[in-house]
C-alpha cells in the first residue's frame, strides 16, 4: 500500500482519494474507519440545538416514540429513528442491545450474564443497561468472544 500526503495552506478541507485495483472488504473497513473520525450529530435540549461528538454518546434510547442520546451527564433528543442510527453507525462501536436501545461499546466497563440469557452492561458512568437475548449474539460477534 502506498500513502501520499499533499499539504497545502490553500486547501479548505481534507480530501482522501483511494486508487485501487479492486474494492475489497479490508478497503471498505479502512474507509469506514476514516469516515468515523469526523462524526458529529445534532441534539436538542431546552429548545436549543447542539452539535455533539458521536464518541461522547453512551447510548441511544427510544422512549415514547422519541429518540434520546445519553451522554455522561446530559440527555439530548434526536430526530432520527433507532434503525437509522443503527445503519449510520453500523461500522462503529455502536450496537443494537434491544428494541429500544443502541449502546456505545467504547463506553462499556463491565458485561455480566444474567438470568434468561440476557447480559447486563455497566457503562463508564455506572449506568446499567440490559442486552436482550435476541441481541447477545451480535454483541458477542462485535467483541469476538
Protein backbone atom coordinates (compact mmCIF):
# COMPACT_ATOMS: atom_id res chain seq x y z
CA UNK A 1 0.00 0.00 0.00
CA UNK A 2 1.28 3.42 -0.94
CA UNK A 3 0.27 6.54 1.06
CA UNK A 4 0.83 10.03 -0.34
CA UNK A 5 0.15 13.22 1.65
CA UNK A 6 0.00 16.62 -0.03
CA UNK A 7 -0.02 19.51 2.43
CA UNK A 8 -1.14 22.97 1.24
CA UNK A 9 -2.42 26.06 3.01
CA UNK A 10 -4.74 26.75 0.08
CA UNK A 11 -6.89 23.68 0.72
CA UNK A 12 -10.18 24.29 2.51
CA UNK A 13 -10.88 20.71 3.64
CA UNK A 14 -9.31 17.27 3.76
CA UNK A 15 -9.87 15.15 0.67
CA UNK A 16 -8.96 11.48 0.54
CA UNK A 17 -8.69 9.75 -2.83
CA UNK A 18 -8.35 5.98 -2.99
CA UNK A 19 -6.89 4.42 -6.13
CA UNK A 20 -7.16 0.64 -6.16
CA UNK A 21 -7.40 -2.34 -8.45
CA UNK A 22 -10.33 -3.84 -6.55
CA UNK A 23 -12.57 -2.71 -3.70
CA UNK A 24 -12.43 -5.46 -1.09
CA UNK A 25 -13.65 -5.89 2.48
CA UNK A 26 -10.42 -4.55 4.03
CA UNK A 27 -10.60 -1.39 1.94
CA UNK A 28 -14.22 -0.84 2.96
CA UNK A 29 -13.24 -1.22 6.62
CA UNK A 30 -10.45 1.36 6.20
CA UNK A 31 -12.84 3.80 4.54
CA UNK A 32 -15.39 3.32 7.34
CA UNK A 33 -12.68 3.95 9.92
CA UNK A 34 -11.58 7.15 8.16
CA UNK A 35 -15.16 8.40 7.97
CA UNK A 36 -15.53 7.70 11.67
CA UNK A 37 -13.04 10.42 12.60
CA UNK A 38 -15.32 13.26 11.55
CA UNK A 39 -18.54 12.32 13.28
CA UNK A 40 -20.89 14.91 14.63
CA UNK A 41 -24.57 14.64 15.46
CA UNK A 42 -27.15 17.19 16.47
CA UNK A 43 -29.37 17.03 19.51
CA UNK A 44 -31.86 19.34 21.17
CA UNK A 45 -32.11 20.26 24.82
CA UNK A 46 -34.15 23.04 26.40
CA UNK A 47 -35.20 24.30 22.97
CA UNK A 48 -31.60 24.71 21.79
CA UNK A 49 -29.80 22.77 19.05
CA UNK A 50 -26.38 21.35 19.98
CA UNK A 51 -23.67 19.87 17.74
CA UNK A 52 -22.25 16.89 19.61
CA UNK A 53 -19.36 14.46 19.19
CA UNK A 54 -20.63 10.94 18.49
CA UNK A 55 -17.84 9.46 20.62
CA UNK A 56 -19.28 11.24 23.68
CA UNK A 57 -22.59 9.36 23.41
CA UNK A 58 -23.04 6.47 25.84
CA UNK A 59 -26.26 5.17 24.29
CA UNK A 60 -29.39 5.97 22.31
CA UNK A 61 -32.81 5.09 23.67
CA UNK A 62 -36.32 5.19 22.27
CA UNK A 63 -38.88 6.42 24.83
CA UNK A 64 -42.49 7.21 23.87
CA UNK A 65 -41.55 7.30 20.16
CA UNK A 66 -38.79 9.85 20.81
CA UNK A 67 -35.07 9.15 20.43
CA UNK A 68 -32.74 10.32 23.19
CA UNK A 69 -28.93 10.45 23.29
CA UNK A 70 -27.39 9.89 26.70
CA UNK A 71 -24.02 11.47 27.41
CA UNK A 72 -22.03 11.27 30.65
CA UNK A 73 -24.37 13.66 32.46
CA UNK A 74 -26.65 15.22 29.80
CA UNK A 75 -29.51 13.90 27.70
CA UNK A 76 -30.40 15.26 24.25
CA UNK A 77 -33.26 14.48 21.91
CA UNK A 78 -32.57 13.48 18.31
CA UNK A 79 -34.98 13.32 15.36
CA UNK A 80 -33.55 10.12 13.85
CA UNK A 81 -35.16 6.72 14.37
CA UNK A 82 -33.19 3.93 16.03
CA UNK A 83 -32.95 1.92 12.82
CA UNK A 84 -31.48 4.98 11.06
CA UNK A 85 -28.91 5.41 13.82
CA UNK A 86 -28.13 1.70 13.70
CA UNK A 87 -27.46 1.93 9.95
CA UNK A 88 -25.47 5.15 10.28
CA UNK A 89 -23.17 3.70 12.93
CA UNK A 90 -23.08 0.09 11.71
CA UNK A 91 -19.30 0.20 11.17
CA UNK A 92 -18.54 1.69 14.57
CA UNK A 93 -18.60 0.82 18.27
CA UNK A 94 -22.40 1.18 18.47
CA UNK A 95 -24.55 -1.95 18.60
CA UNK A 96 -28.23 -2.69 18.98
CA UNK A 97 -28.83 -4.02 22.51
CA UNK A 98 -32.64 -4.18 22.50
CA UNK A 99 -35.64 -2.93 20.54
CA UNK A 100 -35.27 0.42 22.27
CA UNK A 101 -31.51 0.78 22.89
CA UNK A 102 -28.25 1.21 20.97
CA UNK A 103 -25.13 1.15 23.15
CA UNK A 104 -21.64 2.56 22.50
CA UNK A 105 -19.21 -0.31 23.17
CA UNK A 106 -16.43 2.19 23.78
CA UNK A 107 -18.28 3.29 26.93
CA UNK A 108 -18.84 -0.23 28.33
CA UNK A 109 -16.98 -1.05 31.53
CA UNK A 110 -18.40 -4.45 32.57
CA UNK A 111 -20.58 -7.13 30.94
CA UNK A 112 -22.30 -9.67 33.18
CA UNK A 113 -24.54 -12.62 32.20
CA UNK A 114 -27.96 -12.56 33.88
CA UNK A 115 -30.91 -14.93 34.11
CA UNK A 116 -32.68 -15.82 30.87
CA UNK A 117 -29.72 -15.46 28.51
CA UNK A 118 -29.56 -11.68 28.78
CA UNK A 119 -26.48 -9.61 29.54
CA UNK A 120 -26.15 -6.66 31.89
CA UNK A 121 -23.87 -3.88 30.69
CA UNK A 122 -22.38 -1.33 33.08
CA UNK A 123 -21.19 1.83 31.38
CA UNK A 124 -18.30 4.07 32.39
CA UNK A 125 -20.76 6.40 34.14
CA UNK A 126 -22.01 3.36 36.18
CA UNK A 127 -25.36 3.28 34.41
CA UNK A 128 -26.73 -0.25 33.92
CA UNK A 129 -28.41 -1.41 30.71
CA UNK A 130 -29.68 -4.78 29.53
CA UNK A 131 -28.82 -6.59 26.30
CA UNK A 132 -31.80 -8.66 25.16
CA UNK A 133 -31.27 -12.36 24.38
CA UNK A 134 -32.03 -11.62 20.74
CA UNK A 135 -29.04 -9.22 20.50
CA UNK A 136 -26.49 -11.17 22.60
CA UNK A 137 -25.02 -12.95 19.51
CA UNK A 138 -24.50 -9.56 17.84
CA UNK A 139 -22.60 -8.28 20.88
CA UNK A 140 -20.51 -11.46 21.02
CA UNK A 141 -19.55 -11.11 17.36
CA UNK A 142 -18.69 -7.41 17.80
CA UNK A 143 -16.45 -8.27 20.77
CA UNK A 144 -15.27 -11.55 19.20
CA UNK A 145 -15.99 -13.71 22.26
